[in-house]
N, C-alpha and C. Protein backbone atom coordinates (compact mmCIF):
# COMPACT_ATOMS: atom_id res chain seq x y z
N UNK A 1 175.74 -13.07 205.59
CA UNK A 1 175.48 -11.80 206.12
C UNK A 1 175.96 -12.14 207.62
N UNK A 2 176.85 -11.39 208.30
CA UNK A 2 176.99 -11.69 209.70
C UNK A 2 175.72 -10.89 210.45
N UNK A 3 176.11 -11.23 212.04
CA UNK A 3 174.95 -10.68 212.75
C UNK A 3 175.01 -9.06 212.63
N UNK A 4 176.18 -8.65 212.62
CA UNK A 4 176.44 -7.04 212.73
C UNK A 4 175.81 -6.65 211.65
N UNK A 5 175.88 -6.92 210.29
CA UNK A 5 175.26 -6.52 209.01
C UNK A 5 173.55 -6.63 209.26
N UNK A 6 173.13 -7.75 209.61
CA UNK A 6 171.77 -7.92 209.97
C UNK A 6 171.44 -6.86 210.80
N UNK A 7 171.81 -6.71 211.86
CA UNK A 7 171.38 -5.64 212.76
C UNK A 7 171.25 -4.24 212.24
N UNK A 8 172.39 -3.98 211.66
CA UNK A 8 172.46 -2.67 210.63
C UNK A 8 171.25 -2.30 209.70
N UNK A 9 171.14 -3.67 208.94
CA UNK A 9 169.96 -3.61 207.80
C UNK A 9 168.58 -3.67 208.54
N UNK A 10 168.49 -4.36 209.76
CA UNK A 10 167.26 -4.17 210.38
C UNK A 10 166.85 -2.90 211.02
N UNK A 11 167.92 -2.19 211.53
CA UNK A 11 167.85 -0.76 212.06
C UNK A 11 167.40 0.18 211.05
N UNK A 12 168.13 0.07 209.84
CA UNK A 12 167.77 0.98 208.76
C UNK A 12 166.31 0.75 208.34
N UNK A 13 165.68 -0.59 208.21
CA UNK A 13 164.34 -0.70 207.87
C UNK A 13 163.41 -0.33 208.77
N UNK A 14 163.79 -0.31 210.21
CA UNK A 14 162.88 0.27 211.09
C UNK A 14 162.88 1.79 211.03
N UNK A 15 164.01 2.39 210.93
CA UNK A 15 164.06 3.78 210.76
C UNK A 15 163.32 4.51 209.48
N UNK A 16 163.55 3.67 208.32
CA UNK A 16 162.80 4.00 207.23
C UNK A 16 161.19 3.68 207.28
N UNK A 17 160.81 2.80 208.09
CA UNK A 17 159.33 2.51 208.06
C UNK A 17 158.81 3.57 208.96
N UNK A 18 159.53 4.02 209.89
CA UNK A 18 159.10 4.79 211.05
C UNK A 18 158.98 6.18 210.31
N UNK A 19 159.86 6.65 209.62
CA UNK A 19 159.83 7.94 208.76
C UNK A 19 158.58 7.94 207.83
N UNK A 20 158.38 6.96 207.04
CA UNK A 20 157.32 6.72 206.18
C UNK A 20 156.06 6.68 207.11
N UNK A 21 155.67 6.04 208.22
CA UNK A 21 154.56 5.68 208.99
C UNK A 21 154.19 6.83 209.80
N UNK A 22 155.16 7.68 210.06
CA UNK A 22 155.14 8.58 211.23
C UNK A 22 154.66 10.06 210.68
N UNK A 23 154.10 10.77 211.54
CA UNK A 23 153.76 12.17 210.88
C UNK A 23 152.42 12.45 211.68
N UNK A 24 152.08 13.88 211.45
CA UNK A 24 150.84 14.38 211.99
C UNK A 24 149.67 13.89 210.98
N UNK A 25 148.43 13.93 211.60
CA UNK A 25 147.48 13.63 210.74
C UNK A 25 147.12 14.61 209.77
N UNK A 26 147.85 15.96 209.92
CA UNK A 26 147.70 17.04 208.94
C UNK A 26 148.76 16.60 207.92
N UNK A 27 149.90 16.17 208.15
CA UNK A 27 150.78 15.53 207.05
C UNK A 27 150.28 14.38 206.24
N UNK A 28 149.63 13.70 206.85
CA UNK A 28 149.12 12.44 206.35
C UNK A 28 147.93 12.90 205.35
N UNK A 29 147.32 13.82 205.83
CA UNK A 29 146.14 14.22 204.88
C UNK A 29 146.49 15.32 204.08
N UNK A 30 147.96 15.61 203.99
CA UNK A 30 148.27 16.58 202.99
C UNK A 30 147.94 17.97 203.35
N UNK A 31 147.56 18.31 204.58
CA UNK A 31 146.91 19.63 205.08
C UNK A 31 148.16 20.57 205.90
N UNK A 32 149.39 20.04 205.71
CA UNK A 32 150.53 20.94 206.48
C UNK A 32 150.83 21.96 205.76
N UNK A 33 150.68 23.06 206.28
CA UNK A 33 150.95 24.50 205.53
C UNK A 33 152.60 24.40 205.75
N UNK A 34 153.08 25.74 205.23
CA UNK A 34 154.49 26.03 205.15
C UNK A 34 155.06 26.15 206.71
N UNK A 35 154.30 26.66 207.28
CA UNK A 35 154.70 26.96 208.90
C UNK A 35 154.49 25.88 209.78
N UNK A 36 153.98 24.85 209.32
CA UNK A 36 153.89 23.70 210.13
C UNK A 36 152.30 23.44 210.62
N UNK A 37 151.66 24.58 210.44
CA UNK A 37 150.31 24.53 211.06
C UNK A 37 149.32 23.76 210.01
N UNK A 38 148.44 23.41 210.48
CA UNK A 38 147.44 22.70 209.72
C UNK A 38 146.72 23.69 208.70
N UNK A 39 146.63 23.30 207.55
CA UNK A 39 146.11 24.07 206.58
C UNK A 39 144.85 23.26 205.97
N UNK A 40 143.72 23.61 206.41
CA UNK A 40 142.45 22.88 205.89
C UNK A 40 141.81 23.33 204.53
N UNK A 41 141.41 22.32 203.55
CA UNK A 41 140.82 22.57 202.43
C UNK A 41 139.56 23.42 202.60
N UNK A 42 139.38 24.34 201.66
CA UNK A 42 138.27 25.39 201.51
C UNK A 42 137.29 24.92 200.49
N UNK A 43 136.00 25.43 200.45
CA UNK A 43 135.16 25.16 199.41
C UNK A 43 134.39 26.66 199.30
N UNK A 44 133.74 26.99 198.22
CA UNK A 44 133.09 28.16 197.97
C UNK A 44 131.72 28.07 198.50
N UNK A 45 131.29 29.13 199.19
CA UNK A 45 129.86 29.36 199.71
C UNK A 45 129.35 30.56 199.46
N UNK A 46 128.07 30.66 199.07
CA UNK A 46 127.43 31.94 198.58
C UNK A 46 126.21 32.19 199.40
N UNK A 47 126.15 33.63 199.69
CA UNK A 47 124.89 33.90 200.49
C UNK A 47 124.51 35.23 199.81
N UNK A 48 123.42 35.33 199.13
CA UNK A 48 122.68 36.37 198.58
C UNK A 48 122.51 37.53 199.41
N UNK A 49 122.65 38.86 198.81
CA UNK A 49 122.33 39.86 199.64
C UNK A 49 120.89 40.03 199.98
N UNK A 50 120.39 40.82 200.94
CA UNK A 50 121.11 41.68 201.97
C UNK A 50 121.45 40.56 203.26
N UNK A 51 122.44 40.73 203.73
CA UNK A 51 122.69 40.00 205.02
C UNK A 51 123.46 41.10 205.75
N UNK A 52 123.70 40.55 207.15
CA UNK A 52 124.43 41.55 208.02
C UNK A 52 125.33 40.64 208.67
N UNK A 53 126.54 41.18 208.66
CA UNK A 53 127.72 40.59 209.55
C UNK A 53 127.73 40.92 211.09
N UNK A 54 127.60 40.11 211.83
CA UNK A 54 127.63 40.55 213.26
C UNK A 54 128.16 39.58 214.21
N UNK A 55 127.92 39.55 215.59
CA UNK A 55 128.52 38.90 216.61
C UNK A 55 127.30 37.76 216.95
N UNK A 56 127.66 36.68 217.49
CA UNK A 56 126.57 35.76 217.87
C UNK A 56 125.62 36.28 218.54
N UNK A 57 125.96 37.01 219.73
CA UNK A 57 124.93 37.76 220.49
C UNK A 57 124.03 38.65 219.75
N UNK A 58 124.64 39.55 218.56
CA UNK A 58 123.68 40.25 217.91
C UNK A 58 122.90 39.69 216.78
N UNK A 59 123.44 38.47 216.38
CA UNK A 59 122.58 37.69 215.40
C UNK A 59 121.51 37.11 215.83
N UNK A 60 121.45 36.78 217.13
CA UNK A 60 119.95 36.37 217.76
C UNK A 60 118.97 37.49 217.72
N UNK A 61 119.30 38.62 217.95
CA UNK A 61 118.71 39.94 218.01
C UNK A 61 118.32 40.28 216.48
N UNK A 62 119.07 40.10 215.56
CA UNK A 62 118.82 40.54 214.19
C UNK A 62 117.65 39.52 213.43
N UNK A 63 117.83 38.33 213.91
CA UNK A 63 116.90 37.30 213.37
C UNK A 63 115.79 37.08 214.17
N UNK A 64 115.86 38.00 215.22
CA UNK A 64 114.59 38.12 216.17
C UNK A 64 114.33 36.77 216.80
N UNK A 65 115.38 36.29 217.43
CA UNK A 65 115.28 35.02 218.24
C UNK A 65 115.39 35.58 219.72
N UNK A 66 114.77 34.73 220.61
CA UNK A 66 114.94 35.26 221.97
C UNK A 66 115.88 34.20 222.72
N UNK A 67 116.55 33.43 221.98
CA UNK A 67 117.61 32.54 222.47
C UNK A 67 118.92 32.57 222.01
N UNK A 68 120.05 32.25 222.47
CA UNK A 68 121.30 32.23 221.85
C UNK A 68 121.34 31.18 220.65
N UNK A 69 122.03 31.66 219.73
CA UNK A 69 122.53 30.93 218.54
C UNK A 69 123.28 29.75 218.95
N UNK A 70 122.96 28.54 218.44
CA UNK A 70 123.74 27.34 218.90
C UNK A 70 125.21 27.44 218.29
N UNK A 71 126.18 26.76 218.93
CA UNK A 71 127.59 26.97 218.37
C UNK A 71 128.25 25.79 218.61
N UNK A 72 129.43 25.51 218.00
CA UNK A 72 130.16 24.40 218.09
C UNK A 72 130.99 24.42 219.31
N UNK A 73 131.02 23.53 220.22
CA UNK A 73 132.12 23.28 221.23
C UNK A 73 133.41 22.87 220.60
N UNK A 74 133.48 22.19 219.45
CA UNK A 74 134.61 21.67 218.93
C UNK A 74 134.80 22.14 217.60
N UNK A 75 135.90 22.63 217.11
CA UNK A 75 136.36 23.12 215.87
C UNK A 75 137.60 22.36 215.52
N UNK A 76 137.93 22.10 214.15
CA UNK A 76 139.15 21.36 213.72
C UNK A 76 140.16 22.27 214.12
N UNK A 77 141.51 21.49 214.43
CA UNK A 77 142.69 22.24 214.75
C UNK A 77 142.97 23.55 214.00
N UNK A 78 143.26 24.61 214.54
CA UNK A 78 143.53 25.83 213.87
C UNK A 78 142.48 26.58 213.32
N UNK A 79 141.27 26.08 213.37
CA UNK A 79 139.96 26.87 213.04
C UNK A 79 139.31 27.68 214.03
N UNK A 80 138.70 28.61 213.55
CA UNK A 80 137.77 29.41 214.52
C UNK A 80 136.74 29.96 214.00
N UNK A 81 135.64 30.67 214.63
CA UNK A 81 134.69 31.26 214.08
C UNK A 81 135.14 32.49 213.56
N UNK A 82 135.02 32.85 212.19
CA UNK A 82 135.52 34.14 211.56
C UNK A 82 134.41 34.98 211.61
N UNK A 83 133.31 34.62 210.99
CA UNK A 83 132.00 35.51 210.88
C UNK A 83 130.96 34.99 211.29
N UNK A 84 129.78 35.79 211.65
CA UNK A 84 128.37 35.45 212.02
C UNK A 84 127.64 36.27 211.00
N UNK A 85 126.86 35.64 210.18
CA UNK A 85 126.02 36.38 209.39
C UNK A 85 124.55 36.24 209.55
N UNK A 86 123.72 37.06 209.51
CA UNK A 86 122.38 37.13 209.88
C UNK A 86 121.70 37.57 208.73
N UNK A 87 120.62 36.58 208.15
CA UNK A 87 119.83 36.85 207.15
C UNK A 87 118.46 36.13 207.33
N UNK A 88 117.38 36.99 207.37
CA UNK A 88 116.20 36.53 207.45
C UNK A 88 116.12 35.81 208.88
N UNK A 89 115.47 34.42 208.90
CA UNK A 89 115.52 33.73 210.14
C UNK A 89 116.60 32.68 210.06
N UNK A 90 117.89 33.06 209.42
CA UNK A 90 118.85 32.08 209.30
C UNK A 90 120.22 32.94 210.08
N UNK A 91 121.04 32.02 210.63
CA UNK A 91 122.25 32.66 211.20
C UNK A 91 123.42 31.72 210.49
N UNK A 92 124.23 32.18 209.92
CA UNK A 92 125.55 31.33 209.19
C UNK A 92 126.94 31.62 210.01
N UNK A 93 127.30 30.51 210.64
CA UNK A 93 128.48 30.66 211.48
C UNK A 93 129.70 30.17 210.49
N UNK A 94 130.50 31.15 210.14
CA UNK A 94 131.77 30.70 209.00
C UNK A 94 132.95 30.34 209.80
N UNK A 95 133.37 29.35 209.49
CA UNK A 95 134.50 28.72 210.29
C UNK A 95 135.72 28.51 209.52
N UNK A 96 136.93 28.97 209.55
CA UNK A 96 138.02 28.90 208.73
C UNK A 96 139.39 29.00 209.70
N UNK A 97 140.40 28.59 209.03
CA UNK A 97 141.69 28.64 209.52
C UNK A 97 142.55 29.96 209.14
N UNK A 98 141.77 30.73 208.28
CA UNK A 98 142.45 31.92 207.58
C UNK A 98 141.25 33.04 207.77
N UNK A 99 141.53 34.41 207.62
CA UNK A 99 140.64 35.41 207.36
C UNK A 99 139.65 35.05 206.15
N UNK A 100 138.35 35.53 206.30
CA UNK A 100 137.56 35.28 205.08
C UNK A 100 137.60 36.24 204.11
N UNK A 101 137.87 35.98 202.86
CA UNK A 101 137.78 36.89 201.67
C UNK A 101 136.49 36.86 200.94
N UNK A 102 135.88 37.95 200.74
CA UNK A 102 134.58 37.92 200.08
C UNK A 102 134.83 38.47 198.54
N UNK A 103 134.20 37.75 197.68
CA UNK A 103 134.13 38.08 196.29
C UNK A 103 132.79 38.32 195.71
N UNK A 104 132.10 39.31 195.96
CA UNK A 104 130.80 39.60 195.65
C UNK A 104 129.94 38.92 196.93
N UNK A 105 129.16 37.88 196.31
CA UNK A 105 128.41 37.27 197.41
C UNK A 105 128.74 35.89 197.72
N UNK A 106 130.03 35.50 197.40
CA UNK A 106 130.76 34.36 197.53
C UNK A 106 131.89 34.39 198.64
N UNK A 107 132.31 33.42 199.16
CA UNK A 107 133.65 33.51 199.94
C UNK A 107 133.96 32.02 200.09
N UNK A 108 135.25 31.82 200.72
CA UNK A 108 135.70 30.41 200.71
C UNK A 108 136.06 30.36 202.26
N UNK A 109 135.53 29.06 202.73
CA UNK A 109 135.95 28.69 204.15
C UNK A 109 135.97 27.36 204.32
N UNK A 110 136.55 26.78 205.57
CA UNK A 110 136.61 25.39 205.94
C UNK A 110 135.25 24.76 206.09
N UNK A 111 134.40 25.38 206.91
CA UNK A 111 133.33 25.03 207.22
C UNK A 111 132.08 26.34 207.34
N UNK A 112 130.92 25.95 207.13
CA UNK A 112 129.94 27.02 207.39
C UNK A 112 128.63 26.30 208.12
N UNK A 113 128.35 26.66 209.07
CA UNK A 113 127.10 26.17 209.84
C UNK A 113 125.95 27.03 209.59
N UNK A 114 124.82 26.49 208.90
CA UNK A 114 123.44 27.51 208.54
C UNK A 114 122.65 26.95 209.82
N UNK A 115 122.09 27.97 210.47
CA UNK A 115 121.09 27.52 211.67
C UNK A 115 119.67 28.22 211.40
N UNK A 116 118.66 27.33 211.07
CA UNK A 116 117.34 27.91 210.92
C UNK A 116 116.49 27.70 212.31
N UNK A 117 115.81 28.66 212.65
CA UNK A 117 115.06 28.51 213.75
C UNK A 117 113.59 28.46 213.50
N UNK A 118 113.03 27.64 214.32
CA UNK A 118 111.47 27.38 214.14
C UNK A 118 110.80 27.35 215.63
N UNK A 119 109.72 27.97 215.52
CA UNK A 119 108.87 27.96 216.94
C UNK A 119 108.13 26.55 216.97
N UNK A 120 107.97 26.05 215.94
CA UNK A 120 107.14 24.90 215.97
C UNK A 120 107.98 23.55 215.86
N UNK A 121 107.46 22.60 216.54
CA UNK A 121 108.04 21.31 216.33
C UNK A 121 106.68 20.34 215.80
N UNK A 122 107.25 19.16 214.95
CA UNK A 122 106.35 18.29 214.61
C UNK A 122 106.39 17.14 215.40
N UNK A 123 105.33 16.99 216.37
CA UNK A 123 105.37 15.59 217.28
C UNK A 123 105.80 14.48 216.63
N UNK A 124 106.78 13.58 217.33
CA UNK A 124 107.06 12.45 216.74
C UNK A 124 108.04 12.46 215.77
N UNK A 125 108.17 13.49 215.28
CA UNK A 125 109.14 13.45 214.01
C UNK A 125 110.82 13.41 214.46
N UNK A 126 111.46 12.35 214.17
CA UNK A 126 112.83 12.06 214.53
C UNK A 126 113.57 12.18 213.09
N UNK A 127 114.60 13.10 213.19
CA UNK A 127 115.36 13.26 211.74
C UNK A 127 116.70 12.50 212.11
N UNK A 128 117.15 11.65 211.34
CA UNK A 128 118.53 11.08 211.54
C UNK A 128 119.43 11.93 210.57
N UNK A 129 120.42 12.42 211.28
CA UNK A 129 121.30 13.20 210.42
C UNK A 129 121.85 12.58 209.12
N UNK A 130 121.85 13.66 208.13
CA UNK A 130 121.90 13.14 206.94
C UNK A 130 123.06 13.80 206.22
N UNK A 131 123.87 12.97 205.55
CA UNK A 131 125.23 13.72 204.80
C UNK A 131 124.91 13.52 203.40
N UNK A 132 124.89 14.94 202.70
CA UNK A 132 124.54 14.92 201.40
C UNK A 132 125.42 15.46 200.62
N UNK A 133 125.92 15.09 199.49
CA UNK A 133 126.73 15.39 198.33
C UNK A 133 126.31 16.56 197.66
N UNK A 134 127.06 17.71 197.82
CA UNK A 134 126.85 18.89 197.07
C UNK A 134 127.76 19.47 195.97
N UNK A 135 128.31 18.26 195.37
CA UNK A 135 129.28 18.72 194.33
C UNK A 135 130.72 18.95 194.85
N UNK A 136 130.90 19.99 195.31
CA UNK A 136 132.35 20.49 195.67
C UNK A 136 132.43 20.35 197.32
N UNK A 137 131.36 19.99 197.82
CA UNK A 137 131.40 19.92 199.43
C UNK A 137 130.14 19.17 199.97
N UNK A 138 130.34 18.62 201.17
CA UNK A 138 129.31 17.97 201.75
C UNK A 138 128.40 18.87 202.68
N UNK A 139 127.15 18.37 202.93
CA UNK A 139 126.21 19.06 203.64
C UNK A 139 125.78 17.99 204.72
N UNK A 140 125.95 18.29 205.96
CA UNK A 140 125.20 17.35 207.05
C UNK A 140 124.32 18.09 207.57
N UNK A 141 123.11 17.54 207.39
CA UNK A 141 121.72 18.01 207.86
C UNK A 141 121.09 17.33 209.24
N UNK A 142 120.80 18.08 210.21
CA UNK A 142 119.99 17.41 211.20
C UNK A 142 119.20 18.64 211.98
N UNK A 143 118.39 18.04 212.87
CA UNK A 143 117.54 18.95 213.49
C UNK A 143 117.71 18.61 214.97
N UNK A 144 117.55 19.72 215.90
CA UNK A 144 117.50 19.58 217.00
C UNK A 144 116.02 19.97 217.59
N UNK A 145 115.34 19.04 218.25
CA UNK A 145 113.80 19.21 218.66
C UNK A 145 113.69 19.35 219.93
N UNK A 146 114.46 20.17 220.76
CA UNK A 146 114.17 20.53 222.14
C UNK A 146 113.82 22.05 222.14
N UNK A 147 112.60 22.43 222.50
CA UNK A 147 112.19 23.85 222.18
C UNK A 147 113.35 24.72 222.64
N UNK A 148 113.88 25.60 221.93
CA UNK A 148 113.19 25.96 220.64
C UNK A 148 113.91 24.89 219.51
N UNK A 149 113.30 24.72 218.47
CA UNK A 149 113.60 23.81 217.58
C UNK A 149 114.80 24.44 216.33
N UNK A 150 115.62 23.75 216.03
CA UNK A 150 116.75 24.27 215.06
C UNK A 150 116.83 23.16 213.85
N UNK A 151 116.94 23.73 212.80
CA UNK A 151 117.43 22.96 211.78
C UNK A 151 118.98 23.28 211.49
N UNK A 152 119.88 22.47 211.31
CA UNK A 152 121.19 22.91 211.16
C UNK A 152 121.84 22.15 210.13
N UNK A 153 122.61 22.82 209.25
CA UNK A 153 123.46 22.20 208.11
C UNK A 153 124.89 22.78 208.27
N UNK A 154 125.61 21.67 208.35
CA UNK A 154 127.02 21.88 208.30
C UNK A 154 127.66 21.42 207.19
N UNK A 155 128.28 22.56 206.25
CA UNK A 155 128.65 22.27 205.04
C UNK A 155 130.17 22.42 205.25
N UNK A 156 130.79 21.30 204.56
CA UNK A 156 132.43 21.48 204.47
C UNK A 156 132.79 20.82 203.20
N UNK A 157 134.22 21.26 202.91
CA UNK A 157 134.77 20.60 201.84
C UNK A 157 134.81 19.11 201.87
N UNK A 158 134.74 18.44 200.82
CA UNK A 158 135.00 17.04 200.71
C UNK A 158 136.22 16.54 201.11
N UNK A 159 137.24 17.27 200.91
CA UNK A 159 138.53 16.69 201.46
C UNK A 159 138.82 16.91 202.89
N UNK A 160 137.81 17.31 203.73
CA UNK A 160 137.96 17.24 205.16
C UNK A 160 137.40 15.91 205.59
N UNK A 161 138.06 15.27 206.59
CA UNK A 161 137.62 13.83 206.94
C UNK A 161 136.12 14.13 207.67
N UNK A 162 135.20 13.10 207.51
CA UNK A 162 133.87 12.85 207.68
C UNK A 162 133.92 12.94 209.40
N UNK A 163 134.85 12.40 209.74
CA UNK A 163 134.96 12.26 211.04
C UNK A 163 135.09 13.81 211.71
N UNK A 164 135.68 14.64 211.24
CA UNK A 164 135.83 15.92 211.74
C UNK A 164 134.10 16.64 211.77
N UNK A 165 133.30 16.44 210.53
CA UNK A 165 132.25 17.02 210.67
C UNK A 165 131.33 16.25 211.63
N UNK A 166 131.53 15.00 212.06
CA UNK A 166 130.57 14.46 213.04
C UNK A 166 131.04 15.10 214.26
N UNK A 167 132.31 15.28 214.51
CA UNK A 167 132.67 15.72 215.75
C UNK A 167 132.10 17.16 216.04
N UNK A 168 132.20 18.00 214.89
CA UNK A 168 131.74 19.47 215.29
C UNK A 168 130.18 19.24 215.38
N UNK A 169 129.26 18.38 214.78
CA UNK A 169 128.03 18.16 215.00
C UNK A 169 127.66 17.81 216.39
N UNK A 170 128.49 16.83 216.74
CA UNK A 170 128.10 16.11 218.23
C UNK A 170 128.43 17.15 219.40
N UNK A 171 129.41 18.26 219.07
CA UNK A 171 129.72 19.05 220.09
C UNK A 171 128.91 20.25 219.96
N UNK A 172 127.92 20.54 219.39
CA UNK A 172 126.87 21.58 219.14
C UNK A 172 126.34 22.11 220.43
N UNK A 173 126.52 23.15 220.92
CA UNK A 173 125.89 23.76 222.39
C UNK A 173 124.72 24.35 221.90
N UNK A 174 123.53 23.91 222.28
CA UNK A 174 122.18 24.65 222.09
C UNK A 174 121.56 25.20 223.15
């Protein structure tokens, strides 16, 4: 094989490797939608009645808190807060890349953050964030112990990279 042939073969191999190895994270993870936007996997979540869909500001009042609801500063690409649900002393922040469609008391979403509020803290208690397997999704549970005290659970499909869960958790604004 001459130098010219070897150069052509080398260039073809480089181009082939580049085509296989390149692409967005969404393409690598199989999340690319038809329009090129990231399409995140969803899981089914259930909230029993009665509940009230509201805004973040209204949710604090509905659950009788005197502080704002903690919110994520970071969301996965293409996702946004689609609904805020108040029930008892809990607020659910529903995150998705599409509008939420309900079927009875169930819906599908990319992530759901459930926030419990408590006026009491246990002195000396430190909770290490715990990732739990819930069948079709993960639940990342942690507590924020600076008055007021929150318990938070971030639920998401198992197909979403864990790094995304940790980034949402680490970016929570209290």
